[in-house]
Amino acid sequence: MEMAFPNFKIDGICPGSCVDDFPEGIPVVFVTSRVDEVVPNGSTKKLAFELARRERNQVYVIELLSSWHPHYPLQHTKDREIYTYGLHAIYKTHGLPYIEEFAQLGVDILKRARLPFIPPFKMAVESGSPSIAEPNKL
């Protein structure tokens, strides 16, 4: 069976293992989609939360609704708007070139995309059975 990504190395570097070595002070934007099966939405969010927990980088997660991995900004009009407006709002926040109209339209997207520092998962006991307390939802 031929792999969809011929350059992918099954024994290569795992992004999660690089979190502690990621340079400080660099804003990071993760783009994911609810329907992505190439890089599942949950995997992207987990990596973003791990990076945000370090409190050394401003981390954003832009979550698209229905575009597939290789077509994020192109496949659906609503996703294109989320992608474009969200990125321009982030660009403005960090002093990068941006289009003002897009940045204004992306203010709410920016608010949802910015990850606060989230403490490590804690065990919670409810009704006598332990469960993992969930971090804030995006």
C-alpha atoms as a PDB file:
ATOM      1  CA  MET A   1       0.000   0.000   0.000  1.00  0.00           C
ATOM      2  CA  GLU A   2       1.387   3.392  -1.010  1.00  0.00           C
ATOM      3  CA  MET A   3       1.447   6.106   1.646  1.00  0.00           C
ATOM      4  CA  ALA A   4      -0.329   9.407   1.003  1.00  0.00           C
ATOM      5  CA  PHE A   5       2.724  11.222   2.353  1.00  0.00           C
ATOM      6  CA  PRO A   6       5.820   9.563   0.890  1.00  0.00           C
ATOM      7  CA  ASN A   7       8.208  11.748   2.925  1.00  0.00           C
ATOM      8  CA  PHE A   8       6.592  10.784   6.238  1.00  0.00           C
ATOM      9  CA  LYS A   9       8.933   8.764   8.431  1.00  0.00           C
ATOM     10  CA  ILE A  10       7.156   6.473  10.856  1.00  0.00           C
ATOM     11  CA  ASP A  11      10.268   6.455  13.063  1.00  0.00           C
ATOM     12  CA  GLY A  12      10.873  10.207  12.622  1.00  0.00           C
ATOM     13  CA  ILE A  13      10.508  13.021  15.125  1.00  0.00           C
ATOM     14  CA  CYS A  14       7.190  13.205  16.939  1.00  0.00           C
ATOM     15  CA  PRO A  15       6.020  16.851  17.357  1.00  0.00           C
ATOM     16  CA  GLY A  16       4.928  16.165  20.938  1.00  0.00           C
ATOM     17  CA  SER A  17       8.465  15.230  21.903  1.00  0.00           C
ATOM     18  CA  CYS A  18       9.748  18.644  20.753  1.00  0.00           C
ATOM     19  CA  VAL A  19       7.500  20.828  22.923  1.00  0.00           C
ATOM     20  CA  ASP A  20      10.068  21.354  25.686  1.00  0.00           C
ATOM     21  CA  ASP A  21      12.719  22.374  23.155  1.00  0.00           C
ATOM     22  CA  PHE A  22      10.516  24.824  21.233  1.00  0.00           C
ATOM     23  CA  PRO A  23      12.057  28.342  21.249  1.00  0.00           C
ATOM     24  CA  GLU A  24      10.512  30.812  23.671  1.00  0.00           C
ATOM     25  CA  GLY A  25       8.687  33.953  22.641  1.00  0.00           C
ATOM     26  CA  ILE A  26       7.587  32.835  19.190  1.00  0.00           C
ATOM     27  CA  PRO A  27       3.836  33.070  18.638  1.00  0.00           C
ATOM     28  CA  VAL A  28       2.455  29.808  17.257  1.00  0.00           C
ATOM     29  CA  VAL A  29      -0.704  29.319  15.199  1.00  0.00           C
ATOM     30  CA  PHE A  30      -2.167  25.854  14.722  1.00  0.00           C
ATOM     31  CA  VAL A  31      -4.842  25.457  12.064  1.00  0.00           C
ATOM     32  CA  THR A  32      -7.091  22.436  12.306  1.00  0.00           C
ATOM     33  CA  SER A  33     -10.468  21.304  11.062  1.00  0.00           C
ATOM     34  CA  ARG A  34     -13.253  19.342  12.691  1.00  0.00           C
ATOM     35  CA  VAL A  35     -13.253  16.920   9.746  1.00  0.00           C
ATOM     36  CA  ASP A  36      -9.488  16.482   9.269  1.00  0.00           C
ATOM     37  CA  GLU A  37      -8.446  12.840   9.291  1.00  0.00           C
ATOM     38  CA  VAL A  38      -4.851  13.412   8.149  1.00  0.00           C
ATOM     39  CA  VAL A  39      -3.961  15.203  11.375  1.00  0.00           C
ATOM     40  CA  PRO A  40      -6.928  14.722  13.703  1.00  0.00           C
ATOM     41  CA  ASN A  41      -8.345  17.817  15.358  1.00  0.00           C
ATOM     42  CA  GLY A  42      -7.755  16.349  18.820  1.00  0.00           C
ATOM     43  CA  SER A  43      -4.073  15.696  18.087  1.00  0.00           C
ATOM     44  CA  THR A  44      -3.540  19.280  16.973  1.00  0.00           C
ATOM     45  CA  LYS A  45      -5.313  20.677  20.028  1.00  0.00           C
ATOM     46  CA  LYS A  46      -3.371  18.400  22.372  1.00  0.00           C
ATOM     47  CA  LEU A  47      -0.075  19.644  20.940  1.00  0.00           C
ATOM     48  CA  ALA A  48      -1.248  23.259  21.179  1.00  0.00           C
ATOM     49  CA  PHE A  49      -2.327  22.811  24.825  1.00  0.00           C
ATOM     50  CA  GLU A  50       1.022  21.210  25.685  1.00  0.00           C
ATOM     51  CA  LEU A  51       2.876  24.166  24.177  1.00  0.00           C
ATOM     52  CA  ALA A  52       0.588  26.673  25.928  1.00  0.00           C
ATOM     53  CA  ARG A  53       1.171  24.998  29.315  1.00  0.00           C
ATOM     54  CA  ARG A  54       4.819  26.029  29.153  1.00  0.00           C
ATOM     55  CA  GLU A  55       3.744  29.708  29.329  1.00  0.00           C
ATOM     56  CA  ARG A  56       6.609  30.680  27.009  1.00  0.00           C
ATOM     57  CA  ASN A  57       4.737  31.219  23.747  1.00  0.00           C
ATOM     58  CA  GLN A  58       1.426  32.746  22.785  1.00  0.00           C
ATOM     59  CA  VAL A  59      -0.457  29.856  21.202  1.00  0.00           C
ATOM     60  CA  TYR A  60      -3.497  30.045  18.945  1.00  0.00           C
ATOM     61  CA  VAL A  61      -5.739  27.345  17.487  1.00  0.00           C
ATOM     62  CA  ILE A  62      -7.856  28.300  14.506  1.00  0.00           C
ATOM     63  CA  GLU A  63     -10.485  25.609  14.111  1.00  0.00           C
ATOM     64  CA  LEU A  64     -12.147  25.317  10.711  1.00  0.00           C
ATOM     65  CA  LEU A  65     -15.512  23.651  10.287  1.00  0.00           C
ATOM     66  CA  SER A  66     -15.489  21.458   7.214  1.00  0.00           C
ATOM     67  CA  SER A  67     -12.302  21.697   5.124  1.00  0.00           C
ATOM     68  CA  TRP A  68      -9.950  18.785   4.586  1.00  0.00           C
ATOM     69  CA  HIS A  69      -6.262  18.999   5.462  1.00  0.00           C
ATOM     70  CA  PRO A  70      -4.667  19.975   2.147  1.00  0.00           C
ATOM     71  CA  HIS A  71      -7.395  22.515   1.344  1.00  0.00           C
ATOM     72  CA  TYR A  72      -7.827  24.464   4.588  1.00  0.00           C
ATOM     73  CA  PRO A  73      -8.091  28.012   3.213  1.00  0.00           C
ATOM     74  CA  LEU A  74      -9.637  27.030  -0.097  1.00  0.00           C
ATOM     75  CA  GLN A  75     -12.367  24.439   0.193  1.00  0.00           C
ATOM     76  CA  HIS A  76     -15.283  26.247   1.863  1.00  0.00           C
ATOM     77  CA  THR A  77     -16.211  29.937   1.993  1.00  0.00           C
ATOM     78  CA  LYS A  78     -16.866  29.984   5.758  1.00  0.00           C
ATOM     79  CA  ASP A  79     -13.556  28.226   6.491  1.00  0.00           C
ATOM     80  CA  ARG A  80     -11.724  30.635   4.179  1.00  0.00           C
ATOM     81  CA  GLU A  81     -13.172  33.531   6.187  1.00  0.00           C
ATOM     82  CA  ILE A  82     -12.273  31.962   9.535  1.00  0.00           C
ATOM     83  CA  TYR A  83      -8.740  31.252   8.287  1.00  0.00           C
ATOM     84  CA  THR A  84      -8.126  34.637   6.660  1.00  0.00           C
ATOM     85  CA  TYR A  85      -9.789  36.864   9.234  1.00  0.00           C
ATOM     86  CA  GLY A  86      -8.321  34.934  12.147  1.00  0.00           C
ATOM     87  CA  LEU A  87      -4.792  35.131  10.779  1.00  0.00           C
ATOM     88  CA  HIS A  88      -5.057  38.861  10.064  1.00  0.00           C
ATOM     89  CA  ALA A  89      -6.263  39.494  13.623  1.00  0.00           C
ATOM     90  CA  ILE A  90      -3.252  37.523  14.898  1.00  0.00           C
ATOM     91  CA  TYR A  91      -0.920  39.405  12.523  1.00  0.00           C
ATOM     92  CA  LYS A  92      -2.220  42.713  13.896  1.00  0.00           C
ATOM     93  CA  THR A  93      -1.759  41.534  17.486  1.00  0.00           C
ATOM     94  CA  HIS A  94       1.892  40.730  16.809  1.00  0.00           C
ATOM     95  CA  GLY A  95       2.776  43.778  14.706  1.00  0.00           C
ATOM     96  CA  LEU A  96       2.943  41.926  11.394  1.00  0.00           C
ATOM     97  CA  PRO A  97       1.531  43.273   8.099  1.00  0.00           C
ATOM     98  CA  TYR A  98      -2.246  42.820   7.984  1.00  0.00           C
ATOM     99  CA  ILE A  99      -5.380  44.074   6.266  1.00  0.00           C
ATOM    100  CA  GLU A 100      -7.382  46.160   8.737  1.00  0.00           C
ATOM    101  CA  GLU A 101     -10.808  45.097   7.456  1.00  0.00           C
ATOM    102  CA  PHE A 102      -9.848  41.409   7.794  1.00  0.00           C
ATOM    103  CA  ALA A 103      -8.326  41.967  11.244  1.00  0.00           C
ATOM    104  CA  GLN A 104     -11.535  43.645  12.463  1.00  0.00           C
ATOM    105  CA  LEU A 105     -13.641  40.791  11.087  1.00  0.00           C
ATOM    106  CA  GLY A 106     -11.327  38.368  12.914  1.00  0.00           C
ATOM    107  CA  VAL A 107     -11.592  39.845  16.427  1.00  0.00           C
ATOM    108  CA  ASP A 108     -14.002  37.160  17.678  1.00  0.00           C
ATOM    109  CA  ILE A 109     -11.999  34.419  15.963  1.00  0.00           C
ATOM    110  CA  LEU A 110      -8.881  35.706  17.730  1.00  0.00           C
ATOM    111  CA  LYS A 111     -10.641  35.569  21.110  1.00  0.00           C
ATOM    112  CA  ARG A 112     -11.602  31.928  20.530  1.00  0.00           C
ATOM    113  CA  ALA A 113      -8.208  30.993  19.083  1.00  0.00           C
ATOM    114  CA  ARG A 114      -5.960  32.362  21.844  1.00  0.00           C
ATOM    115  CA  LEU A 115      -5.092  29.678  24.346  1.00  0.00           C
ATOM    116  CA  PRO A 116      -4.620  30.697  27.949  1.00  0.00           C
ATOM    117  CA  PHE A 117      -2.186  28.799  30.089  1.00  0.00           C
ATOM    118  CA  ILE A 118      -3.970  25.644  31.165  1.00  0.00           C
ATOM    119  CA  PRO A 119      -2.676  23.773  34.205  1.00  0.00           C
ATOM    120  CA  PRO A 120      -1.933  20.072  33.823  1.00  0.00           C
ATOM    121  CA  PHE A 121      -4.872  17.699  34.009  1.00  0.00           C
ATOM    122  CA  LYS A 122      -5.956  17.034  37.582  1.00  0.00           C
ATOM    123  CA  MET A 123      -7.850  14.103  38.944  1.00  0.00           C
ATOM    124  CA  ALA A 124     -11.353  15.012  40.045  1.00  0.00           C
ATOM    125  CA  VAL A 125     -13.513  12.804  42.190  1.00  0.00           C
ATOM    126  CA  GLU A 126     -17.201  12.929  41.418  1.00  0.00           C
ATOM    127  CA  SER A 127     -19.727  10.430  42.719  1.00  0.00           C
ATOM    128  CA  GLY A 128     -16.935   8.346  44.194  1.00  0.00           C
ATOM    129  CA  SER A 129     -15.232   7.653  40.851  1.00  0.00           C
ATOM    130  CA  PRO A 130     -12.128   9.441  39.633  1.00  0.00           C
ATOM    131  CA  SER A 131     -12.233  11.250  36.296  1.00  0.00           C
ATOM    132  CA  ILE A 132      -9.950  13.556  34.395  1.00  0.00           C
ATOM    133  CA  ALA A 133     -10.961  17.195  34.700  1.00  0.00           C
ATOM    134  CA  GLU A 134     -11.154  18.656  31.181  1.00  0.00           C
ATOM    135  CA  PRO A 135      -9.286  21.862  30.268  1.00  0.00           C
ATOM    136  CA  ASN A 136     -11.253  24.850  29.041  1.00  0.00           C
ATOM    137  CA  LYS A 137     -12.944  24.060  25.749  1.00  0.00           C
ATOM    138  CA  LEU A 138     -12.100  26.109  22.690  1.00  0.00           C
END
